[in-house]
């Protein structure tokens, strides 16, 4: 966009991710936006309003439920001509109390009438926000998120280097590593993964479970593994930065998550040719196909999960089939270059509008 003469700014909370983007030369305006509703949100709206008025932006593209509302409100007050909201998931969902759902729906519909365009990361999200009344069919499009295949390229990795990275886990050439990369939080279903793995071990002693990530459940999950008697077959390796190389160390990937916005991590695994076991929830039922590109099991069903894991641990041919199919589909539908080209086209069209 900058090459085409656009001045591009990032406005969000000041954290490590934002500073990493800023180091690439993107102008950065820090503004604190909390996840939960807070009186401080008014200050965030005011700071963004003043910033947008001063900069006279033509386009403002907001993300996340909370940031999306705060950013769109500030942009509307600042009379930004084109206000875009990228919907990564649902603001309203069944787990919320009914009064909360009604309140969020009211806010969503109000700010939706002040939004020029909705971009959804899946077709199902697009259909849902139209059904809720937040968006209309004539101002909603779907642009799939994309994977950087320059980074997630199995052929660029040295097999000996990958084997050396696996070595500290205490594995050998016969070990089948079930990998997981996630924040260690309740809605990722990691307790269910440990319960299922405890059922896998008696049938597949060659299996090893490696969990990458940090979070508040770290100690509880380690205690659960000890209680289940599987500590010797489980490795907690903490936060990992190099995801392509990490994925290449896994023989299969599993995360029985209960809720996902898009599920990048599953597609990253598939981009590396790694077969996936996941839960049959939206949007994973759109981004993956059960039995063809992944095995999708019912949420909360430990028995189904254990059966799927055992099946893949014991069947290398099935692992190869799912891994190859997943890699092909990811490259067909989720290419980052295509995503960015589509997004640039949207921005160009917004600028051309009178």
Foldseek 3Di string as FASTA:
>chain_A
DVVVVDQAEAEEADDPVQVVVVVVVRHYDHAYFDPDDDPCLVVSLVVLLVVCLVVVAQEDEFEDLRRLLSNLSSCVSSVRLAYEYEALADPADDVDPPVSNVVSLVSLQVSLVSHQAYEYQDPVRQVVCVVSNSYPPVRYDYFHAADALVQQPQVVDDPVVLVVVCVVLVADPQAAEAEEEDAPDDQQCVLLVLVLVLVQCVVQVSYAYEYEEYYDCVVVSCVSNVVSVNNNRYHYDYHDDRLSSVLLNHQAYETAGNDDSRCVSQLSSLLNLHEYEYAPDPPCVVLDPDPQQYPHHHRPDSNVSSVRVNVCSVDVVSRNRNSVRSNVSSVVRHHNVSSVVVVVVVVVVSVPDD
